[in-house]
Amino acid sequence: MTADLTLDEMRAALAPLLPRHAAFDGWKDEAIAMAAAEKSIDPDIAALAFPGGAMDMIDAWFASIDTRMTDSLSAQTLAALSIRARITALVEARLALLAPDREALRRAIAIMAMPRNGLRAAKLGWRAADAMWRAAGDEATDFAHYSKRMTLGGVYAATLLVFLDDESDDHTESRAFLARRIEEVMRFERSKARFKGAGGGERLSLSRFIGRLRYPVV
């Protein structure tokens, strides 16, 4: 019964519904009210689940993307892939989940770009990168733990900007953008490994791989 939901449970239930309404009415109370109506929740009570307004709504939506991304790719599926393929698959899974709501994403990014929301936006980027690395099986606890997430957060943000205006079938332009950057990194690492006589290919260390990721400004 929706009447028995806690505010946290209500937030989680409404989060996936918010973007379809935010695409037309913005990340405003109207979007909460319409999402609440779909779940037969009193809109005044639903509003209590998002006291911070737009950023709380965006936060909840992105949290739902984290969860659905993890659910879409089993641990067994990811374990059978190389590290490069795992990261690629996870980023692409997020894009697929965001695809139906690109206009809401565009509006969300505009809100996050406001100076007053900069710190919160950075935290959301970190959380997305952390969710992807954890799903990929990363267990690093040293400096690499932080460098991987900072770099992947930048990679993901850049890919999203390409994705927003990608009208290609199955978003192939966005996927190609991601693949090109990763291949450039791996090519560099293979060349360096051969120079050092250490071999190359997928035996390259995870920390070196992500540490070398560099993306152009979009």
N, C-alpha and C. Protein backbone atom coordinates (compact mmCIF):
# COMPACT_ATOMS: atom_id res chain seq x y z
N MET A 1 0.84 -1.19 0.00
CA MET A 1 0.00 0.00 0.00
C MET A 1 0.88 1.25 0.00
N THR A 2 0.61 2.16 -0.92
CA THR A 2 1.43 3.37 -1.00
C THR A 2 1.30 4.22 0.26
N ALA A 3 0.17 4.10 0.97
CA ALA A 3 -0.02 4.90 2.17
C ALA A 3 0.95 4.50 3.27
N ASP A 4 1.50 3.29 3.17
CA ASP A 4 2.40 2.78 4.20
C ASP A 4 3.88 3.00 3.86
N LEU A 5 4.15 3.63 2.72
CA LEU A 5 5.53 3.83 2.31
C LEU A 5 6.22 4.87 3.18
N THR A 6 7.51 4.62 3.48
CA THR A 6 8.32 5.65 4.11
C THR A 6 8.69 6.68 3.04
N LEU A 7 9.23 7.81 3.45
CA LEU A 7 9.63 8.81 2.46
C LEU A 7 10.73 8.28 1.54
N ASP A 8 11.65 7.48 2.09
CA ASP A 8 12.70 6.89 1.27
C ASP A 8 12.10 5.94 0.24
N GLU A 9 11.15 5.13 0.66
CA GLU A 9 10.50 4.19 -0.26
C GLU A 9 9.69 4.94 -1.30
N MET A 10 9.05 6.01 -0.89
CA MET A 10 8.27 6.82 -1.81
C MET A 10 9.17 7.47 -2.85
N ARG A 11 10.31 7.97 -2.39
CA ARG A 11 11.27 8.60 -3.31
C ARG A 11 11.73 7.58 -4.35
N ALA A 12 12.04 6.38 -3.91
CA ALA A 12 12.51 5.34 -4.84
C ALA A 12 11.41 4.93 -5.82
N ALA A 13 10.17 4.91 -5.36
CA ALA A 13 9.06 4.52 -6.22
C ALA A 13 8.76 5.58 -7.28
N LEU A 14 8.91 6.83 -6.92
CA LEU A 14 8.58 7.92 -7.84
C LEU A 14 9.73 8.27 -8.78
N ALA A 15 10.95 8.00 -8.36
CA ALA A 15 12.13 8.44 -9.12
C ALA A 15 12.11 8.06 -10.59
N PRO A 16 11.80 6.81 -10.96
CA PRO A 16 11.82 6.46 -12.40
C PRO A 16 10.72 7.14 -13.20
N LEU A 17 9.68 7.65 -12.53
CA LEU A 17 8.57 8.29 -13.22
C LEU A 17 8.79 9.78 -13.44
N LEU A 18 9.66 10.38 -12.65
CA LEU A 18 9.84 11.82 -12.68
C LEU A 18 10.31 12.36 -14.04
N PRO A 19 11.29 11.72 -14.70
CA PRO A 19 11.82 12.33 -15.93
C PRO A 19 10.81 12.48 -17.04
N ARG A 20 9.85 11.56 -17.15
CA ARG A 20 8.88 11.67 -18.25
C ARG A 20 8.03 12.93 -18.11
N HIS A 21 7.85 13.38 -16.87
CA HIS A 21 7.09 14.60 -16.63
C HIS A 21 8.01 15.83 -16.63
N ALA A 22 9.22 15.66 -16.13
CA ALA A 22 10.17 16.76 -16.12
C ALA A 22 10.55 17.19 -17.53
N ALA A 23 10.45 16.27 -18.48
CA ALA A 23 10.79 16.61 -19.87
C ALA A 23 9.89 17.71 -20.41
N PHE A 24 8.66 17.78 -19.91
CA PHE A 24 7.70 18.77 -20.40
C PHE A 24 7.51 19.94 -19.44
N ASP A 25 7.52 19.65 -18.16
CA ASP A 25 7.23 20.68 -17.16
C ASP A 25 8.44 21.11 -16.34
N GLY A 26 9.59 20.54 -16.65
CA GLY A 26 10.78 20.88 -15.89
C GLY A 26 10.83 20.10 -14.58
N TRP A 27 11.97 20.21 -13.91
CA TRP A 27 12.16 19.52 -12.64
C TRP A 27 11.52 20.37 -11.54
N LYS A 28 10.20 20.34 -11.52
CA LYS A 28 9.43 21.18 -10.62
C LYS A 28 8.40 20.35 -9.86
N ASP A 29 7.67 21.03 -8.99
CA ASP A 29 6.65 20.34 -8.18
C ASP A 29 5.60 19.67 -9.06
N GLU A 30 5.33 20.23 -10.24
CA GLU A 30 4.34 19.63 -11.12
C GLU A 30 4.73 18.21 -11.51
N ALA A 31 6.02 18.00 -11.73
CA ALA A 31 6.49 16.66 -12.10
C ALA A 31 6.28 15.68 -10.95
N ILE A 32 6.51 16.15 -9.72
CA ILE A 32 6.27 15.30 -8.56
C ILE A 32 4.79 14.95 -8.45
N ALA A 33 3.95 15.94 -8.63
CA ALA A 33 2.50 15.72 -8.51
C ALA A 33 2.00 14.71 -9.54
N MET A 34 2.48 14.82 -10.77
CA MET A 34 2.03 13.90 -11.81
C MET A 34 2.56 12.49 -11.59
N ALA A 35 3.81 12.39 -11.13
CA ALA A 35 4.36 11.07 -10.82
C ALA A 35 3.60 10.45 -9.65
N ALA A 36 3.27 11.28 -8.66
CA ALA A 36 2.52 10.80 -7.50
C ALA A 36 1.14 10.29 -7.90
N ALA A 37 0.51 10.98 -8.84
CA ALA A 37 -0.82 10.56 -9.30
C ALA A 37 -0.76 9.16 -9.92
N GLU A 38 0.33 8.85 -10.60
CA GLU A 38 0.48 7.53 -11.20
C GLU A 38 0.54 6.44 -10.14
N LYS A 39 1.05 6.78 -8.98
CA LYS A 39 1.19 5.82 -7.89
C LYS A 39 0.10 5.97 -6.84
N SER A 40 -0.89 6.82 -7.12
CA SER A 40 -1.99 7.08 -6.17
C SER A 40 -1.46 7.55 -4.82
N ILE A 41 -0.49 8.46 -4.88
CA ILE A 41 0.10 9.05 -3.68
C ILE A 41 -0.35 10.51 -3.59
N ASP A 42 -0.66 10.94 -2.41
CA ASP A 42 -1.04 12.34 -2.20
C ASP A 42 0.14 13.22 -2.61
N PRO A 43 -0.08 14.17 -3.53
CA PRO A 43 1.04 15.00 -4.02
C PRO A 43 1.71 15.82 -2.93
N ASP A 44 0.96 16.24 -1.93
CA ASP A 44 1.56 17.01 -0.84
C ASP A 44 2.52 16.15 -0.02
N ILE A 45 2.16 14.88 0.14
CA ILE A 45 3.04 13.95 0.87
C ILE A 45 4.24 13.61 -0.01
N ALA A 46 3.99 13.41 -1.30
CA ALA A 46 5.09 13.08 -2.21
C ALA A 46 6.14 14.18 -2.23
N ALA A 47 5.70 15.43 -2.14
CA ALA A 47 6.63 16.56 -2.16
C ALA A 47 7.59 16.51 -0.99
N LEU A 48 7.15 15.90 0.12
CA LEU A 48 8.02 15.80 1.30
C LEU A 48 9.23 14.90 1.04
N ALA A 49 9.11 14.04 0.04
CA ALA A 49 10.22 13.14 -0.29
C ALA A 49 11.33 13.85 -1.05
N PHE A 50 11.06 15.06 -1.52
CA PHE A 50 12.04 15.83 -2.31
C PHE A 50 12.15 17.25 -1.76
N PRO A 51 12.57 17.39 -0.50
CA PRO A 51 12.60 18.72 0.11
C PRO A 51 13.57 19.68 -0.56
N GLY A 52 14.57 19.13 -1.26
CA GLY A 52 15.56 19.97 -1.92
C GLY A 52 15.17 20.36 -3.33
N GLY A 53 13.94 20.06 -3.72
CA GLY A 53 13.47 20.46 -5.04
C GLY A 53 14.14 19.71 -6.18
N ALA A 54 14.52 20.45 -7.23
CA ALA A 54 15.01 19.85 -8.47
C ALA A 54 16.20 18.92 -8.24
N MET A 55 17.17 19.35 -7.46
CA MET A 55 18.36 18.51 -7.27
C MET A 55 18.03 17.22 -6.53
N ASP A 56 17.08 17.26 -5.62
CA ASP A 56 16.66 16.02 -4.96
C ASP A 56 15.98 15.08 -5.95
N MET A 57 15.20 15.65 -6.84
CA MET A 57 14.53 14.84 -7.85
C MET A 57 15.54 14.21 -8.81
N ILE A 58 16.49 15.00 -9.25
CA ILE A 58 17.52 14.50 -10.16
C ILE A 58 18.37 13.44 -9.46
N ASP A 59 18.72 13.69 -8.22
CA ASP A 59 19.48 12.75 -7.41
C ASP A 59 18.76 11.40 -7.36
N ALA A 60 17.46 11.44 -7.06
CA ALA A 60 16.68 10.21 -6.96
C ALA A 60 16.62 9.47 -8.29
N TRP A 61 16.46 10.22 -9.38
CA TRP A 61 16.43 9.59 -10.71
C TRP A 61 17.75 8.90 -11.02
N PHE A 62 18.85 9.59 -10.78
CA PHE A 62 20.15 9.00 -11.06
C PHE A 62 20.41 7.78 -10.16
N ALA A 63 19.93 7.82 -8.93
CA ALA A 63 20.07 6.66 -8.05
C ALA A 63 19.32 5.46 -8.63
N SER A 64 18.16 5.73 -9.23
CA SER A 64 17.41 4.63 -9.84
C SER A 64 18.14 4.08 -11.06
N ILE A 65 18.86 4.95 -11.77
CA ILE A 65 19.66 4.50 -12.91
C ILE A 65 20.79 3.60 -12.42
N ASP A 66 21.42 3.97 -11.30
CA ASP A 66 22.47 3.13 -10.72
C ASP A 66 21.95 1.73 -10.46
N THR A 67 20.79 1.65 -9.83
CA THR A 67 20.21 0.35 -9.48
C THR A 67 19.83 -0.45 -10.71
N ARG A 68 19.18 0.19 -11.65
CA ARG A 68 18.73 -0.52 -12.85
C ARG A 68 19.92 -0.94 -13.72
N MET A 69 20.98 -0.14 -13.74
CA MET A 69 22.18 -0.52 -14.47
C MET A 69 22.75 -1.81 -13.91
N THR A 70 22.87 -1.88 -12.60
CA THR A 70 23.41 -3.08 -11.95
C THR A 70 22.53 -4.29 -12.22
N ASP A 71 21.24 -4.07 -12.18
CA ASP A 71 20.30 -5.18 -12.42
C ASP A 71 20.36 -5.68 -13.86
N SER A 72 20.71 -4.79 -14.80
CA SER A 72 20.68 -5.17 -16.21
C SER A 72 21.88 -6.01 -16.64
N LEU A 73 22.94 -5.98 -15.86
CA LEU A 73 24.15 -6.74 -16.19
C LEU A 73 24.54 -7.59 -14.98
N SER A 74 24.37 -8.87 -15.09
CA SER A 74 24.66 -9.75 -13.96
C SER A 74 26.16 -9.82 -13.71
N ALA A 75 26.50 -10.19 -12.48
CA ALA A 75 27.92 -10.34 -12.12
C ALA A 75 28.58 -11.39 -13.00
N GLN A 76 27.84 -12.44 -13.34
CA GLN A 76 28.39 -13.51 -14.18
C GLN A 76 28.68 -13.00 -15.58
N THR A 77 27.79 -12.18 -16.11
CA THR A 77 28.00 -11.61 -17.45
C THR A 77 29.24 -10.73 -17.47
N LEU A 78 29.37 -9.86 -16.48
CA LEU A 78 30.52 -8.97 -16.43
C LEU A 78 31.82 -9.71 -16.18
N ALA A 79 31.76 -10.75 -15.37
CA ALA A 79 32.98 -11.50 -15.03
C ALA A 79 33.59 -12.15 -16.27
N ALA A 80 32.78 -12.42 -17.27
CA ALA A 80 33.28 -13.07 -18.49
C ALA A 80 33.94 -12.08 -19.44
N LEU A 81 33.88 -10.78 -19.11
CA LEU A 81 34.42 -9.74 -19.99
C LEU A 81 35.76 -9.22 -19.49
N SER A 82 36.50 -8.62 -20.39
CA SER A 82 37.72 -7.91 -20.00
C SER A 82 37.32 -6.64 -19.25
N ILE A 83 38.26 -6.03 -18.57
CA ILE A 83 37.97 -4.80 -17.84
C ILE A 83 37.47 -3.72 -18.79
N ARG A 84 38.12 -3.60 -19.93
CA ARG A 84 37.70 -2.60 -20.90
C ARG A 84 36.26 -2.85 -21.33
N ALA A 85 35.91 -4.10 -21.59
CA ALA A 85 34.56 -4.43 -22.03
C ALA A 85 33.54 -4.22 -20.91
N ARG A 86 33.95 -4.47 -19.67
CA ARG A 86 33.03 -4.24 -18.55
C ARG A 86 32.66 -2.77 -18.44
N ILE A 87 33.65 -1.92 -18.46
CA ILE A 87 33.38 -0.48 -18.33
C ILE A 87 32.54 0.01 -19.51
N THR A 88 32.87 -0.45 -20.70
CA THR A 88 32.09 -0.07 -21.88
C THR A 88 30.65 -0.51 -21.74
N ALA A 89 30.45 -1.76 -21.32
CA ALA A 89 29.09 -2.30 -21.18
C ALA A 89 28.29 -1.53 -20.13
N LEU A 90 28.94 -1.14 -19.06
CA LEU A 90 28.24 -0.42 -18.00
C LEU A 90 27.84 0.99 -18.43
N VAL A 91 28.75 1.67 -19.12
CA VAL A 91 28.41 3.01 -19.62
C VAL A 91 27.27 2.91 -20.63
N GLU A 92 27.37 1.92 -21.53
CA GLU A 92 26.33 1.77 -22.54
C GLU A 92 24.99 1.39 -21.91
N ALA A 93 25.02 0.62 -20.84
CA ALA A 93 23.78 0.27 -20.14
C ALA A 93 23.11 1.52 -19.57
N ARG A 94 23.91 2.42 -19.05
CA ARG A 94 23.36 3.67 -18.53
C ARG A 94 22.75 4.50 -19.65
N LEU A 95 23.42 4.56 -20.78
CA LEU A 95 22.88 5.32 -21.91
C LEU A 95 21.55 4.75 -22.36
N ALA A 96 21.44 3.43 -22.39
CA ALA A 96 20.20 2.79 -22.80
C ALA A 96 19.06 3.13 -21.83
N LEU A 97 19.37 3.21 -20.55
CA LEU A 97 18.37 3.54 -19.55
C LEU A 97 17.95 5.01 -19.63
N LEU A 98 18.88 5.86 -20.02
CA LEU A 98 18.60 7.29 -20.13
C LEU A 98 17.93 7.67 -21.44
N ALA A 99 18.06 6.81 -22.44
CA ALA A 99 17.61 7.14 -23.80
C ALA A 99 16.16 7.61 -23.89
N PRO A 100 15.23 6.99 -23.18
CA PRO A 100 13.83 7.45 -23.32
C PRO A 100 13.58 8.84 -22.74
N ASP A 101 14.53 9.35 -21.98
CA ASP A 101 14.31 10.60 -21.25
C ASP A 101 15.41 11.62 -21.50
N ARG A 102 15.83 11.73 -22.75
CA ARG A 102 16.96 12.62 -23.05
C ARG A 102 16.62 14.09 -22.81
N GLU A 103 15.37 14.48 -23.04
CA GLU A 103 15.02 15.88 -22.80
C GLU A 103 15.06 16.18 -21.32
N ALA A 104 14.61 15.24 -20.50
CA ALA A 104 14.70 15.42 -19.05
C ALA A 104 16.17 15.47 -18.62
N LEU A 105 17.00 14.66 -19.27
CA LEU A 105 18.44 14.67 -18.97
C LEU A 105 19.04 16.01 -19.34
N ARG A 106 18.66 16.54 -20.48
CA ARG A 106 19.17 17.85 -20.91
C ARG A 106 18.84 18.92 -19.87
N ARG A 107 17.60 18.90 -19.40
CA ARG A 107 17.17 19.87 -18.39
C ARG A 107 17.91 19.63 -17.07
N ALA A 108 18.15 18.38 -16.74
CA ALA A 108 18.85 18.06 -15.49
C ALA A 108 20.29 18.56 -15.54
N ILE A 109 20.96 18.35 -16.67
CA ILE A 109 22.34 18.80 -16.81
C ILE A 109 22.43 20.31 -16.71
N ALA A 110 21.45 21.02 -17.28
CA ALA A 110 21.43 22.48 -17.19
C ALA A 110 21.30 22.94 -15.74
N ILE A 111 20.50 22.23 -14.97
CA ILE A 111 20.33 22.57 -13.55
C ILE A 111 21.61 22.28 -12.78
N MET A 112 22.22 21.14 -13.06
CA MET A 112 23.45 20.76 -12.35
C MET A 112 24.60 21.70 -12.69
N ALA A 113 24.55 22.31 -13.86
CA ALA A 113 25.62 23.22 -14.28
C ALA A 113 25.57 24.57 -13.57
N MET A 114 24.49 24.85 -12.87
CA MET A 114 24.40 26.10 -12.14
C MET A 114 25.43 26.10 -11.00
N PRO A 115 26.12 27.23 -10.80
CA PRO A 115 27.18 27.28 -9.77
C PRO A 115 26.74 26.78 -8.40
N ARG A 116 25.53 27.11 -8.01
CA ARG A 116 25.09 26.70 -6.67
C ARG A 116 24.92 25.19 -6.53
N ASN A 117 24.85 24.50 -7.68
CA ASN A 117 24.66 23.04 -7.65
C ASN A 117 25.93 22.27 -7.99
N GLY A 118 27.03 22.98 -8.13
CA GLY A 118 28.27 22.36 -8.57
C GLY A 118 28.75 21.22 -7.68
N LEU A 119 28.75 21.44 -6.38
CA LEU A 119 29.24 20.42 -5.45
C LEU A 119 28.34 19.18 -5.49
N ARG A 120 27.05 19.41 -5.48
CA ARG A 120 26.11 18.28 -5.51
C ARG A 120 26.25 17.52 -6.82
N ALA A 121 26.40 18.23 -7.91
CA ALA A 121 26.56 17.58 -9.21
C ALA A 121 27.82 16.72 -9.24
N ALA A 122 28.90 17.23 -8.65
CA ALA A 122 30.15 16.47 -8.60
C ALA A 122 29.97 15.19 -7.81
N LYS A 123 29.21 15.26 -6.73
CA LYS A 123 28.94 14.07 -5.92
C LYS A 123 28.14 13.03 -6.69
N LEU A 124 27.19 13.51 -7.50
CA LEU A 124 26.40 12.57 -8.30
C LEU A 124 27.27 11.90 -9.36
N GLY A 125 28.19 12.67 -9.95
CA GLY A 125 29.11 12.09 -10.92
C GLY A 125 30.00 11.04 -10.29
N TRP A 126 30.47 11.35 -9.09
CA TRP A 126 31.31 10.39 -8.35
C TRP A 126 30.52 9.13 -8.05
N ARG A 127 29.27 9.30 -7.62
CA ARG A 127 28.45 8.14 -7.26
C ARG A 127 28.22 7.23 -8.47
N ALA A 128 27.96 7.83 -9.63
CA ALA A 128 27.76 7.03 -10.84
C ALA A 128 29.03 6.25 -11.19
N ALA A 129 30.18 6.93 -11.12
CA ALA A 129 31.44 6.26 -11.43
C ALA A 129 31.72 5.15 -10.42
N ASP A 130 31.44 5.41 -9.16
CA ASP A 130 31.65 4.40 -8.12
C ASP A 130 30.76 3.19 -8.37
N ALA A 131 29.51 3.43 -8.73
CA ALA A 131 28.59 2.32 -9.01
C ALA A 131 29.10 1.47 -10.17
N MET A 132 29.65 2.11 -11.19
CA MET A 132 30.17 1.36 -12.34
C MET A 132 31.40 0.56 -11.98
N TRP A 133 32.32 1.17 -11.24
CA TRP A 133 33.53 0.44 -10.87
C TRP A 133 33.23 -0.72 -9.93
N ARG A 134 32.31 -0.52 -9.00
CA ARG A 134 31.94 -1.61 -8.11
C ARG A 134 31.29 -2.75 -8.89
N ALA A 135 30.43 -2.41 -9.84
CA ALA A 135 29.80 -3.43 -10.67
C ALA A 135 30.84 -4.17 -11.51
N ALA A 136 31.90 -3.44 -11.90
CA ALA A 136 32.97 -4.05 -12.70
C ALA A 136 33.89 -4.92 -11.86
N GLY A 137 33.70 -4.91 -10.54
CA GLY A 137 34.49 -5.77 -9.67
C GLY A 137 35.70 -5.11 -9.05
N ASP A 138 35.81 -3.79 -9.16
CA ASP A 138 36.96 -3.10 -8.60
C ASP A 138 36.93 -3.14 -7.08
N GLU A 139 38.06 -3.51 -6.48
CA GLU A 139 38.17 -3.57 -5.02
C GLU A 139 39.33 -2.73 -4.50
N ALA A 140 39.82 -1.84 -5.32
CA ALA A 140 40.96 -1.01 -4.93
C ALA A 140 40.60 -0.14 -3.72
N THR A 141 41.55 0.00 -2.81
CA THR A 141 41.33 0.84 -1.63
C THR A 141 42.40 1.91 -1.51
N ASP A 142 43.39 1.91 -2.40
CA ASP A 142 44.46 2.89 -2.34
C ASP A 142 44.11 4.11 -3.20
N PHE A 143 45.11 4.86 -3.58
CA PHE A 143 44.87 6.06 -4.39
C PHE A 143 44.16 5.74 -5.69
N ALA A 144 44.41 4.54 -6.22
CA ALA A 144 43.78 4.16 -7.48
C ALA A 144 42.26 4.16 -7.37
N HIS A 145 41.75 3.85 -6.18
CA HIS A 145 40.30 3.87 -5.96
C HIS A 145 39.73 5.24 -6.33
N TYR A 146 40.40 6.29 -5.94
CA TYR A 146 39.93 7.65 -6.19
C TYR A 146 40.21 8.09 -7.62
N SER A 147 41.40 7.77 -8.13
CA SER A 147 41.75 8.22 -9.48
C SER A 147 40.87 7.57 -10.53
N LYS A 148 40.54 6.31 -10.32
CA LYS A 148 39.66 5.61 -11.28
C LYS A 148 38.30 6.28 -11.35
N ARG A 149 37.76 6.60 -10.20
CA ARG A 149 36.41 7.18 -10.16
C ARG A 149 36.40 8.61 -10.68
N MET A 150 37.43 9.36 -10.38
CA MET A 150 37.49 10.73 -10.90
C MET A 150 37.57 10.72 -12.42
N THR A 151 38.40 9.83 -12.96
CA THR A 151 38.58 9.78 -14.40
C THR A 151 37.32 9.26 -15.10
N LEU A 152 36.75 8.18 -14.56
CA LEU A 152 35.55 7.63 -15.18
C LEU A 152 34.39 8.60 -15.09
N GLY A 153 34.32 9.38 -14.00
CA GLY A 153 33.28 10.39 -13.89
C GLY A 153 33.38 11.40 -15.02
N GLY A 154 34.61 11.81 -15.35
CA GLY A 154 34.81 12.73 -16.46
C GLY A 154 34.47 12.11 -17.80
N VAL A 155 34.83 10.83 -17.96
CA VAL A 155 34.52 10.10 -19.18
C VAL A 155 33.01 10.02 -19.37
N TYR A 156 32.32 9.67 -18.33
CA TYR A 156 30.87 9.52 -18.40
C TYR A 156 30.20 10.86 -18.72
N ALA A 157 30.66 11.93 -18.06
CA ALA A 157 30.08 13.25 -18.30
C ALA A 157 30.28 13.67 -19.75
N ALA A 158 31.47 13.44 -20.29
CA ALA A 158 31.74 13.80 -21.68
C ALA A 158 30.88 12.99 -22.64
N THR A 159 30.71 11.72 -22.34
CA THR A 159 29.90 10.86 -23.19
C THR A 159 28.44 11.30 -23.17
N LEU A 160 27.96 11.74 -22.01
CA LEU A 160 26.58 12.22 -21.92
C LEU A 160 26.35 13.42 -22.82
N LEU A 161 27.33 14.31 -22.90
CA LEU A 161 27.17 15.49 -23.74
C LEU A 161 27.07 15.12 -25.22
N VAL A 162 27.81 14.11 -25.62
CA VAL A 162 27.70 13.61 -26.99
C VAL A 162 26.33 12.95 -27.17
N PHE A 163 25.94 12.18 -26.19
CA PHE A 163 24.69 11.42 -26.22
C PHE A 163 23.46 12.32 -26.35
N LEU A 164 23.49 13.48 -25.75
CA LEU A 164 22.33 14.37 -25.78
C LEU A 164 21.89 14.72 -27.20
N ASP A 165 22.83 14.86 -28.11
CA ASP A 165 22.52 15.27 -29.48
C ASP A 165 22.75 14.15 -30.49
N ASP A 166 22.84 12.93 -30.00
CA ASP A 166 23.11 11.79 -30.86
C ASP A 166 21.80 11.25 -31.45
N GLU A 167 21.63 11.43 -32.75
CA GLU A 167 20.41 10.96 -33.43
C GLU A 167 20.68 9.71 -34.26
N SER A 168 21.84 9.11 -34.09
CA SER A 168 22.17 7.91 -34.86
C SER A 168 21.40 6.71 -34.34
N ASP A 169 21.26 5.70 -35.18
CA ASP A 169 20.56 4.48 -34.78
C ASP A 169 21.30 3.81 -33.63
N ASP A 170 20.52 3.44 -32.60
CA ASP A 170 21.07 2.76 -31.43
C ASP A 170 22.21 3.55 -30.79
N HIS A 171 22.20 4.87 -31.01
CA HIS A 171 23.20 5.76 -30.42
C HIS A 171 24.63 5.31 -30.74
N THR A 172 24.82 4.93 -31.99
CA THR A 172 26.14 4.42 -32.38
C THR A 172 27.22 5.49 -32.29
N GLU A 173 26.86 6.76 -32.49
CA GLU A 173 27.87 7.81 -32.39
C GLU A 173 28.41 7.93 -30.97
N SER A 174 27.53 7.84 -30.00
CA SER A 174 27.96 7.91 -28.60
C SER A 174 28.81 6.70 -28.24
N ARG A 175 28.39 5.53 -28.71
CA ARG A 175 29.15 4.31 -28.43
C ARG A 175 30.52 4.36 -29.09
N ALA A 176 30.56 4.91 -30.31
CA ALA A 176 31.83 5.03 -31.01
C ALA A 176 32.75 6.03 -30.31
N PHE A 177 32.17 7.12 -29.80
CA PHE A 177 32.96 8.11 -29.06
C PHE A 177 33.67 7.44 -27.88
N LEU A 178 32.92 6.68 -27.13
CA LEU A 178 33.48 5.97 -25.98
C LEU A 178 34.55 4.96 -26.42
N ALA A 179 34.24 4.19 -27.44
CA ALA A 179 35.16 3.16 -27.90
C ALA A 179 36.46 3.75 -28.42
N ARG A 180 36.37 4.88 -29.14
CA ARG A 180 37.60 5.50 -29.68
C ARG A 180 38.54 5.93 -28.57
N ARG A 181 37.98 6.53 -27.55
CA ARG A 181 38.83 7.00 -26.46
C ARG A 181 39.52 5.84 -25.76
N ILE A 182 38.77 4.79 -25.51
CA ILE A 182 39.35 3.63 -24.83
C ILE A 182 40.41 2.98 -25.70
N GLU A 183 40.15 2.86 -26.99
CA GLU A 183 41.13 2.25 -27.89
C GLU A 183 42.40 3.08 -27.95
N GLU A 184 42.28 4.39 -27.95
CA GLU A 184 43.46 5.24 -27.96
C GLU A 184 44.32 4.99 -26.72
N VAL A 185 43.65 4.85 -25.60
CA VAL A 185 44.37 4.58 -24.36
C VAL A 185 45.07 3.23 -24.42
N MET A 186 44.35 2.21 -24.87
CA MET A 186 44.93 0.88 -24.91
C MET A 186 46.08 0.81 -25.91
N ARG A 187 45.97 1.54 -27.01
CA ARG A 187 47.06 1.56 -27.99
C ARG A 187 48.31 2.16 -27.37
N PHE A 188 48.13 3.23 -26.63
CA PHE A 188 49.26 3.87 -25.96
C PHE A 188 49.89 2.90 -24.97
N GLU A 189 49.06 2.23 -24.18
CA GLU A 189 49.58 1.32 -23.17
C GLU A 189 50.28 0.11 -23.80
N ARG A 190 49.75 -0.38 -24.92
CA ARG A 190 50.42 -1.50 -25.58
C ARG A 190 51.79 -1.08 -26.08
N SER A 191 51.87 0.12 -26.64
CA SER A 191 53.16 0.61 -27.14
C SER A 191 54.16 0.77 -26.01
N LYS A 192 53.70 1.30 -24.89
CA LYS A 192 54.59 1.49 -23.75
C LYS A 192 55.04 0.16 -23.18
N ALA A 193 54.11 -0.80 -23.13
CA ALA A 193 54.44 -2.11 -22.58
C ALA A 193 55.47 -2.82 -23.46
N ARG A 194 55.31 -2.71 -24.77
CA ARG A 194 56.29 -3.32 -25.67
C ARG A 194 57.65 -2.68 -25.51
N PHE A 195 57.65 -1.35 -25.34
CA PHE A 195 58.91 -0.63 -25.18
C PHE A 195 59.63 -1.11 -23.92
N LYS A 196 58.87 -1.39 -22.89
CA LYS A 196 59.46 -1.84 -21.62
C LYS A 196 59.69 -3.35 -21.58
N GLY A 197 59.23 -4.03 -22.67
CA GLY A 197 59.40 -5.48 -22.69
C GLY A 197 58.48 -6.19 -21.74
N ALA A 198 57.32 -5.54 -21.46
CA ALA A 198 56.42 -6.14 -20.47
C ALA A 198 55.20 -6.79 -21.11
N GLY A 199 55.15 -6.85 -22.43
CA GLY A 199 53.96 -7.42 -23.07
C GLY A 199 52.88 -6.37 -23.20
N GLY A 200 51.73 -6.77 -23.72
CA GLY A 200 50.66 -5.80 -23.91
C GLY A 200 49.30 -6.43 -23.86
N GLY A 201 48.39 -5.84 -24.64
CA GLY A 201 47.04 -6.37 -24.72
C GLY A 201 46.28 -6.25 -23.42
N GLU A 202 45.39 -7.22 -23.15
CA GLU A 202 44.51 -7.15 -22.00
C GLU A 202 45.23 -7.43 -20.69
N ARG A 203 46.53 -7.77 -20.75
CA ARG A 203 47.27 -7.97 -19.50
C ARG A 203 47.66 -6.67 -18.84
N LEU A 204 47.40 -5.58 -19.51
CA LEU A 204 47.70 -4.27 -18.94
C LEU A 204 46.96 -4.09 -17.64
N SER A 205 47.61 -3.46 -16.68
CA SER A 205 46.98 -3.33 -15.37
C SER A 205 45.78 -2.40 -15.40
N LEU A 206 44.84 -2.68 -14.55
CA LEU A 206 43.63 -1.88 -14.44
C LEU A 206 43.96 -0.45 -14.06
N SER A 207 44.89 -0.27 -13.13
CA SER A 207 45.20 1.08 -12.68
C SER A 207 45.85 1.90 -13.77
N ARG A 208 46.75 1.27 -14.56
CA ARG A 208 47.37 2.00 -15.66
C ARG A 208 46.33 2.36 -16.71
N PHE A 209 45.42 1.43 -16.97
CA PHE A 209 44.39 1.67 -17.99
C PHE A 209 43.55 2.89 -17.67
N ILE A 210 42.96 2.91 -16.49
CA ILE A 210 42.05 4.01 -16.18
C ILE A 210 42.83 5.30 -15.91
N GLY A 211 44.05 5.14 -15.40
CA GLY A 211 44.85 6.31 -15.13
C GLY A 211 45.25 7.08 -16.37
N ARG A 212 45.23 6.38 -17.52
CA ARG A 212 45.63 7.00 -18.80
C ARG A 212 44.44 7.52 -19.60
N LEU A 213 43.25 7.28 -19.14
CA LEU A 213 42.08 7.76 -19.88
C LEU A 213 42.08 9.28 -19.93
N ARG A 214 42.03 9.83 -21.11
CA ARG A 214 41.97 11.28 -21.25
C ARG A 214 40.95 11.60 -22.34
N TYR A 215 40.01 12.46 -22.07
CA TYR A 215 38.95 12.78 -23.03
C TYR A 215 39.01 14.26 -23.39
N PRO A 216 38.73 14.58 -24.64
CA PRO A 216 38.74 15.98 -25.06
C PRO A 216 37.52 16.70 -24.53
N VAL A 217 37.61 18.02 -24.48
CA VAL A 217 36.46 18.81 -24.11
C VAL A 217 35.42 18.68 -25.21
N VAL A 218 34.16 18.50 -24.82
CA VAL A 218 33.09 18.35 -25.79
C VAL A 218 32.35 19.67 -25.92
